[in-house]
Amino acid sequence: MPTNKVAAQVLAHPNGQRCELTQIHNHILLHAVRFGKFFCKTCAVMLALLGLAAMAALPTATALARQIC
């Protein structure tokens, strides 16, 4: 398989640093992790706001239920 050896030589950095494909992969992975963290924080904030709204509406709902019964 001479093509793999040639490709490895092309991708190898002369100073022994990481190849470009590895850096691109890490860059994509970093963005996925950042998006995941942001998504989790957004969901947590939305759930907290929803919980606060539900707690605020609870006394009103129970008062209305008492008036009906």
PDB file of N, CA and C in Angstrom:
ATOM      1  N   MET A   1       0.817  -1.182   0.000  1.00  0.00           N
ATOM      2  CA  MET A   1       0.000   0.000   0.000  1.00  0.00           C
ATOM      3  C   MET A   1       0.867   1.254   0.000  1.00  0.00           C
ATOM      4  N   PRO A   2       1.420   1.581  -1.127  1.00  0.00           N
ATOM      5  CA  PRO A   2       2.287   2.757  -1.184  1.00  0.00           C
ATOM      6  C   PRO A   2       1.517   4.066  -1.023  1.00  0.00           C
ATOM      7  N   THR A   3       0.239   4.085  -1.367  1.00  0.00           N
ATOM      8  CA  THR A   3      -0.511   5.343  -1.257  1.00  0.00           C
ATOM      9  C   THR A   3      -0.647   5.783   0.195  1.00  0.00           C
ATOM     10  N   ASN A   4      -0.815   4.843   1.116  1.00  0.00           N
ATOM     11  CA  ASN A   4      -0.915   5.209   2.525  1.00  0.00           C
ATOM     12  C   ASN A   4       0.392   5.791   3.037  1.00  0.00           C
ATOM     13  N   LYS A   5       1.504   5.229   2.599  1.00  0.00           N
ATOM     14  CA  LYS A   5       2.800   5.753   3.026  1.00  0.00           C
ATOM     15  C   LYS A   5       3.016   7.148   2.466  1.00  0.00           C
ATOM     16  N   VAL A   6       2.615   7.337   1.222  1.00  0.00           N
ATOM     17  CA  VAL A   6       2.763   8.659   0.607  1.00  0.00           C
ATOM     18  C   VAL A   6       1.862   9.662   1.317  1.00  0.00           C
ATOM     19  N   ALA A   7       0.643   9.255   1.610  1.00  0.00           N
ATOM     20  CA  ALA A   7      -0.278  10.158   2.303  1.00  0.00           C
ATOM     21  C   ALA A   7       0.244  10.493   3.694  1.00  0.00           C
ATOM     22  N   ALA A   8       0.816   9.523   4.366  1.00  0.00           N
ATOM     23  CA  ALA A   8       1.363   9.771   5.702  1.00  0.00           C
ATOM     24  C   ALA A   8       2.524  10.750   5.632  1.00  0.00           C
ATOM     25  N   GLN A   9       3.336  10.644   4.597  1.00  0.00           N
ATOM     26  CA  GLN A   9       4.453  11.570   4.451  1.00  0.00           C
ATOM     27  C   GLN A   9       3.959  12.974   4.139  1.00  0.00           C
ATOM     28  N   VAL A  10       2.895  13.063   3.357  1.00  0.00           N
ATOM     29  CA  VAL A  10       2.365  14.383   3.013  1.00  0.00           C
ATOM     30  C   VAL A  10       1.754  15.044   4.243  1.00  0.00           C
ATOM     31  N   LEU A  11       1.047  14.254   5.055  1.00  0.00           N
ATOM     32  CA  LEU A  11       0.387  14.814   6.228  1.00  0.00           C
ATOM     33  C   LEU A  11       1.340  15.075   7.387  1.00  0.00           C
ATOM     34  N   ALA A  12       2.468  14.400   7.399  1.00  0.00           N
ATOM     35  CA  ALA A  12       3.411  14.558   8.507  1.00  0.00           C
ATOM     36  C   ALA A  12       4.014  15.958   8.478  1.00  0.00           C
ATOM     37  N   HIS A  13       4.104  16.560   9.624  1.00  0.00           N
ATOM     38  CA  HIS A  13       4.692  17.887   9.733  1.00  0.00           C
ATOM     39  C   HIS A  13       6.198  17.733   9.845  1.00  0.00           C
ATOM     40  N   PRO A  14       6.963  18.581   9.174  1.00  0.00           N
ATOM     41  CA  PRO A  14       8.423  18.427   9.220  1.00  0.00           C
ATOM     42  C   PRO A  14       9.017  18.593  10.616  1.00  0.00           C
ATOM     43  N   ASN A  15       8.374  19.345  11.475  1.00  0.00           N
ATOM     44  CA  ASN A  15       8.906  19.553  12.820  1.00  0.00           C
ATOM     45  C   ASN A  15       8.422  18.494  13.802  1.00  0.00           C
ATOM     46  N   GLY A  16       7.660  17.531  13.321  1.00  0.00           N
ATOM     47  CA  GLY A  16       7.156  16.487  14.202  1.00  0.00           C
ATOM     48  C   GLY A  16       5.890  16.862  14.936  1.00  0.00           C
ATOM     49  N   GLN A  17       5.257  17.956  14.536  1.00  0.00           N
ATOM     50  CA  GLN A  17       4.008  18.354  15.180  1.00  0.00           C
ATOM     51  C   GLN A  17       2.856  17.526  14.624  1.00  0.00           C
ATOM     52  N   ARG A  18       1.695  17.737  15.177  1.00  0.00           N
ATOM     53  CA  ARG A  18       0.535  16.966  14.745  1.00  0.00           C
ATOM     54  C   ARG A  18       0.162  17.305  13.305  1.00  0.00           C
ATOM     55  N   CYS A  19      -0.448  16.334  12.650  1.00  0.00           N
ATOM     56  CA  CYS A  19      -0.845  16.549  11.260  1.00  0.00           C
ATOM     57  C   CYS A  19      -2.090  17.429  11.204  1.00  0.00           C
ATOM     58  N   GLU A  20      -2.377  17.954  10.026  1.00  0.00           N
ATOM     59  CA  GLU A  20      -3.488  18.884   9.867  1.00  0.00           C
ATOM     60  C   GLU A  20      -4.833  18.211  10.119  1.00  0.00           C
ATOM     61  N   LEU A  21      -4.975  16.954   9.724  1.00  0.00           N
ATOM     62  CA  LEU A  21      -6.252  16.274   9.914  1.00  0.00           C
ATOM     63  C   LEU A  21      -6.599  16.158  11.391  1.00  0.00           C
ATOM     64  N   THR A  22      -5.607  15.896  12.211  1.00  0.00           N
ATOM     65  CA  THR A  22      -5.860  15.786  13.646  1.00  0.00           C
ATOM     66  C   THR A  22      -6.297  17.132  14.205  1.00  0.00           C
ATOM     67  N   GLN A  23      -5.681  18.207  13.752  1.00  0.00           N
ATOM     68  CA  GLN A  23      -6.050  19.532  14.237  1.00  0.00           C
ATOM     69  C   GLN A  23      -7.461  19.902  13.805  1.00  0.00           C
ATOM     70  N   ILE A  24      -7.827  19.557  12.571  1.00  0.00           N
ATOM     71  CA  ILE A  24      -9.182  19.839  12.095  1.00  0.00           C
ATOM     72  C   ILE A  24     -10.186  19.022  12.895  1.00  0.00           C
ATOM     73  N   HIS A  25      -9.862  17.762  13.146  1.00  0.00           N
ATOM     74  CA  HIS A  25     -10.758  16.902  13.929  1.00  0.00           C
ATOM     75  C   HIS A  25     -10.955  17.477  15.330  1.00  0.00           C
ATOM     76  N   ASN A  26      -9.877  17.918  15.958  1.00  0.00           N
ATOM     77  CA  ASN A  26      -9.982  18.504  17.297  1.00  0.00           C
ATOM     78  C   ASN A  26     -10.800  19.788  17.267  1.00  0.00           C
ATOM     79  N   HIS A  27     -10.648  20.572  16.201  1.00  0.00           N
ATOM     80  CA  HIS A  27     -11.394  21.821  16.070  1.00  0.00           C
ATOM     81  C   HIS A  27     -12.893  21.535  15.970  1.00  0.00           C
ATOM     82  N   ILE A  28     -13.262  20.553  15.162  1.00  0.00           N
ATOM     83  CA  ILE A  28     -14.669  20.174  15.017  1.00  0.00           C
ATOM     84  C   ILE A  28     -15.203  19.628  16.340  1.00  0.00           C
ATOM     85  N   LEU A  29     -14.409  18.807  16.992  1.00  0.00           N
ATOM     86  CA  LEU A  29     -14.817  18.231  18.272  1.00  0.00           C
ATOM     87  C   LEU A  29     -15.008  19.315  19.324  1.00  0.00           C
ATOM     88  N   LEU A  30     -14.122  20.308  19.323  1.00  0.00           N
ATOM     89  CA  LEU A  30     -14.225  21.405  20.280  1.00  0.00           C
ATOM     90  C   LEU A  30     -15.527  22.171  20.076  1.00  0.00           C
ATOM     91  N   HIS A  31     -15.891  22.412  18.813  1.00  0.00           N
ATOM     92  CA  HIS A  31     -17.138  23.124  18.548  1.00  0.00           C
ATOM     93  C   HIS A  31     -18.345  22.306  18.997  1.00  0.00           C
ATOM     94  N   ALA A  32     -18.288  21.007  18.807  1.00  0.00           N
ATOM     95  CA  ALA A  32     -19.395  20.147  19.244  1.00  0.00           C
ATOM     96  C   ALA A  32     -19.535  20.191  20.767  1.00  0.00           C
ATOM     97  N   VAL A  33     -18.416  20.174  21.467  1.00  0.00           N
ATOM     98  CA  VAL A  33     -18.448  20.220  22.934  1.00  0.00           C
ATOM     99  C   VAL A  33     -18.971  21.575  23.402  1.00  0.00           C
ATOM    100  N   ARG A  34     -18.511  22.654  22.749  1.00  0.00           N
ATOM    101  CA  ARG A  34     -18.994  23.987  23.116  1.00  0.00           C
ATOM    102  C   ARG A  34     -20.495  24.107  22.896  1.00  0.00           C
ATOM    103  N   PHE A  35     -20.963  23.600  21.758  1.00  0.00           N
ATOM    104  CA  PHE A  35     -22.397  23.652  21.473  1.00  0.00           C
ATOM    105  C   PHE A  35     -23.178  22.852  22.512  1.00  0.00           C
ATOM    106  N   GLY A  36     -22.653  21.688  22.887  1.00  0.00           N
ATOM    107  CA  GLY A  36     -23.325  20.860  23.885  1.00  0.00           C
ATOM    108  C   GLY A  36     -23.436  21.566  25.225  1.00  0.00           C
ATOM    109  N   LYS A  37     -22.364  22.215  25.645  1.00  0.00           N
ATOM    110  CA  LYS A  37     -22.388  22.940  26.917  1.00  0.00           C
ATOM    111  C   LYS A  37     -23.388  24.092  26.862  1.00  0.00           C
ATOM    112  N   PHE A  38     -23.379  24.826  25.758  1.00  0.00           N
ATOM    113  CA  PHE A  38     -24.295  25.953  25.603  1.00  0.00           C
ATOM    114  C   PHE A  38     -25.739  25.469  25.590  1.00  0.00           C
ATOM    115  N   PHE A  39     -25.976  24.358  24.897  1.00  0.00           N
ATOM    116  CA  PHE A  39     -27.323  23.796  24.824  1.00  0.00           C
ATOM    117  C   PHE A  39     -27.807  23.370  26.207  1.00  0.00           C
ATOM    118  N   CYS A  40     -26.934  22.737  26.979  1.00  0.00           N
ATOM    119  CA  CYS A  40     -27.307  22.297  28.335  1.00  0.00           C
ATOM    120  C   CYS A  40     -27.612  23.493  29.235  1.00  0.00           C
ATOM    121  N   LYS A  41     -26.797  24.536  29.134  1.00  0.00           N
ATOM    122  CA  LYS A  41     -27.038  25.723  29.954  1.00  0.00           C
ATOM    123  C   LYS A  41     -28.354  26.387  29.567  1.00  0.00           C
ATOM    124  N   THR A  42     -28.622  26.452  28.269  1.00  0.00           N
ATOM    125  CA  THR A  42     -29.868  27.057  27.804  1.00  0.00           C
ATOM    126  C   THR A  42     -31.070  26.265  28.304  1.00  0.00           C
ATOM    127  N   CYS A  43     -30.981  24.946  28.225  1.00  0.00           N
ATOM    128  CA  CYS A  43     -32.077  24.104  28.721  1.00  0.00           C
ATOM    129  C   CYS A  43     -32.269  24.281  30.222  1.00  0.00           C
ATOM    130  N   ALA A  44     -31.185  24.382  30.955  1.00  0.00           N
ATOM    131  CA  ALA A  44     -31.280  24.549  32.406  1.00  0.00           C
ATOM    132  C   ALA A  44     -31.956  25.870  32.756  1.00  0.00           C
ATOM    133  N   VAL A  45     -31.597  26.922  32.052  1.00  0.00           N
ATOM    134  CA  VAL A  45     -32.208  28.228  32.314  1.00  0.00           C
ATOM    135  C   VAL A  45     -33.694  28.195  31.976  1.00  0.00           C
ATOM    136  N   MET A  46     -34.032  27.591  30.835  1.00  0.00           N
ATOM    137  CA  MET A  46     -35.442  27.517  30.436  1.00  0.00           C
ATOM    138  C   MET A  46     -36.257  26.695  31.442  1.00  0.00           C
ATOM    139  N   LEU A  47     -35.699  25.593  31.916  1.00  0.00           N
ATOM    140  CA  LEU A  47     -36.406  24.779  32.907  1.00  0.00           C
ATOM    141  C   LEU A  47     -36.573  25.525  34.229  1.00  0.00           C
ATOM    142  N   ALA A  48     -35.556  26.287  34.609  1.00  0.00           N
ATOM    143  CA  ALA A  48     -35.662  27.070  35.841  1.00  0.00           C
ATOM    144  C   ALA A  48     -36.759  28.121  35.712  1.00  0.00           C
ATOM    145  N   LEU A  49     -36.805  28.802  34.573  1.00  0.00           N
ATOM    146  CA  LEU A  49     -37.846  29.808  34.360  1.00  0.00           C
ATOM    147  C   LEU A  49     -39.233  29.168  34.318  1.00  0.00           C
ATOM    148  N   LEU A  50     -39.324  28.025  33.684  1.00  0.00           N
ATOM    149  CA  LEU A  50     -40.600  27.316  33.626  1.00  0.00           C
ATOM    150  C   LEU A  50     -41.045  26.879  35.027  1.00  0.00           C
ATOM    151  N   GLY A  51     -40.105  26.421  35.830  1.00  0.00           N
ATOM    152  CA  GLY A  51     -40.422  26.034  37.203  1.00  0.00           C
ATOM    153  C   GLY A  51     -40.874  27.214  38.039  1.00  0.00           C
ATOM    154  N   LEU A  52     -40.198  28.351  37.869  1.00  0.00           N
ATOM    155  CA  LEU A  52     -40.608  29.547  38.610  1.00  0.00           C
ATOM    156  C   LEU A  52     -41.996  30.005  38.184  1.00  0.00           C
ATOM    157  N   ALA A  53     -42.268  29.945  36.892  1.00  0.00           N
ATOM    158  CA  ALA A  53     -43.591  30.341  36.406  1.00  0.00           C
ATOM    159  C   ALA A  53     -44.667  29.396  36.935  1.00  0.00           C
ATOM    160  N   ALA A  54     -44.353  28.121  36.989  1.00  0.00           N
ATOM    161  CA  ALA A  54     -45.324  27.152  37.508  1.00  0.00           C
ATOM    162  C   ALA A  54     -45.570  27.376  38.997  1.00  0.00           C
ATOM    163  N   MET A  55     -44.516  27.676  39.729  1.00  0.00           N
ATOM    164  CA  MET A  55     -44.676  27.929  41.161  1.00  0.00           C
ATOM    165  C   MET A  55     -45.468  29.210  41.402  1.00  0.00           C
ATOM    166  N   ALA A  56     -45.278  30.205  40.546  1.00  0.00           N
ATOM    167  CA  ALA A  56     -46.017  31.458  40.694  1.00  0.00           C
ATOM    168  C   ALA A  56     -47.489  31.260  40.359  1.00  0.00           C
ATOM    169  N   ALA A  57     -47.778  30.379  39.420  1.00  0.00           N
ATOM    170  CA  ALA A  57     -49.160  30.151  39.006  1.00  0.00           C
ATOM    171  C   ALA A  57     -49.885  29.177  39.928  1.00  0.00           C
ATOM    172  N   LEU A  58     -49.159  28.444  40.740  1.00  0.00           N
ATOM    173  CA  LEU A  58     -49.780  27.427  41.594  1.00  0.00           C
ATOM    174  C   LEU A  58     -50.781  28.003  42.598  1.00  0.00           C
ATOM    175  N   PRO A  59     -50.450  29.069  43.331  1.00  0.00           N
ATOM    176  CA  PRO A  59     -51.445  29.618  44.265  1.00  0.00           C
ATOM    177  C   PRO A  59     -52.700  30.126  43.550  1.00  0.00           C
ATOM    178  N   THR A  60     -52.517  30.702  42.383  1.00  0.00           N
ATOM    179  CA  THR A  60     -53.663  31.193  41.620  1.00  0.00           C
ATOM    180  C   THR A  60     -54.550  30.036  41.190  1.00  0.00           C
ATOM    181  N   ALA A  61     -53.937  28.954  40.749  1.00  0.00           N
ATOM    182  CA  ALA A  61     -54.707  27.796  40.300  1.00  0.00           C
ATOM    183  C   ALA A  61     -55.456  27.149  41.462  1.00  0.00           C
ATOM    184  N   THR A  62     -54.825  27.073  42.617  1.00  0.00           N
ATOM    185  CA  THR A  62     -55.511  26.462  43.766  1.00  0.00           C
ATOM    186  C   THR A  62     -56.642  27.355  44.259  1.00  0.00           C
ATOM    187  N   ALA A  63     -56.450  28.669  44.201  1.00  0.00           N
ATOM    188  CA  ALA A  63     -57.511  29.588  44.617  1.00  0.00           C
ATOM    189  C   ALA A  63     -58.705  29.482  43.678  1.00  0.00           C
ATOM    190  N   LEU A  64     -58.445  29.372  42.393  1.00  0.00           N
ATOM    191  CA  LEU A  64     -59.533  29.213  41.427  1.00  0.00           C
ATOM    192  C   LEU A  64     -60.250  27.884  41.635  1.00  0.00           C
ATOM    193  N   ALA A  65     -59.503  26.852  41.949  1.00  0.00           N
ATOM    194  CA  ALA A  65     -60.113  25.542  42.178  1.00  0.00           C
ATOM    195  C   ALA A  65     -60.995  25.567  43.419  1.00  0.00           C
ATOM    196  N   ARG A  66     -60.605  26.313  44.434  1.00  0.00           N
ATOM    197  CA  ARG A  66     -61.412  26.409  45.655  1.00  0.00           C
ATOM    198  C   ARG A  66     -62.709  27.173  45.396  1.00  0.00           C
ATOM    199  N   GLN A  67     -62.650  28.178  44.520  1.00  0.00           N
ATOM    200  CA  GLN A  67     -63.853  28.944  44.213  1.00  0.00           C
ATOM    201  C   GLN A  67     -64.855  28.107  43.432  1.00  0.00           C
ATOM    202  N   ILE A  68     -64.350  27.245  42.564  1.00  0.00           N
ATOM    203  CA  ILE A  68     -65.223  26.420  41.736  1.00  0.00           C
ATOM    204  C   ILE A  68     -65.919  25.375  42.595  1.00  0.00           C
ATOM    205  N   CYS A  69     -65.201  24.788  43.537  1.00  0.00           N
ATOM    206  CA  CYS A  69     -65.783  23.707  44.353  1.00  0.00           C
ATOM    207  C   CYS A  69     -66.630  24.220  45.440  1.00  0.00           C
TER     208      CYS A  69
END
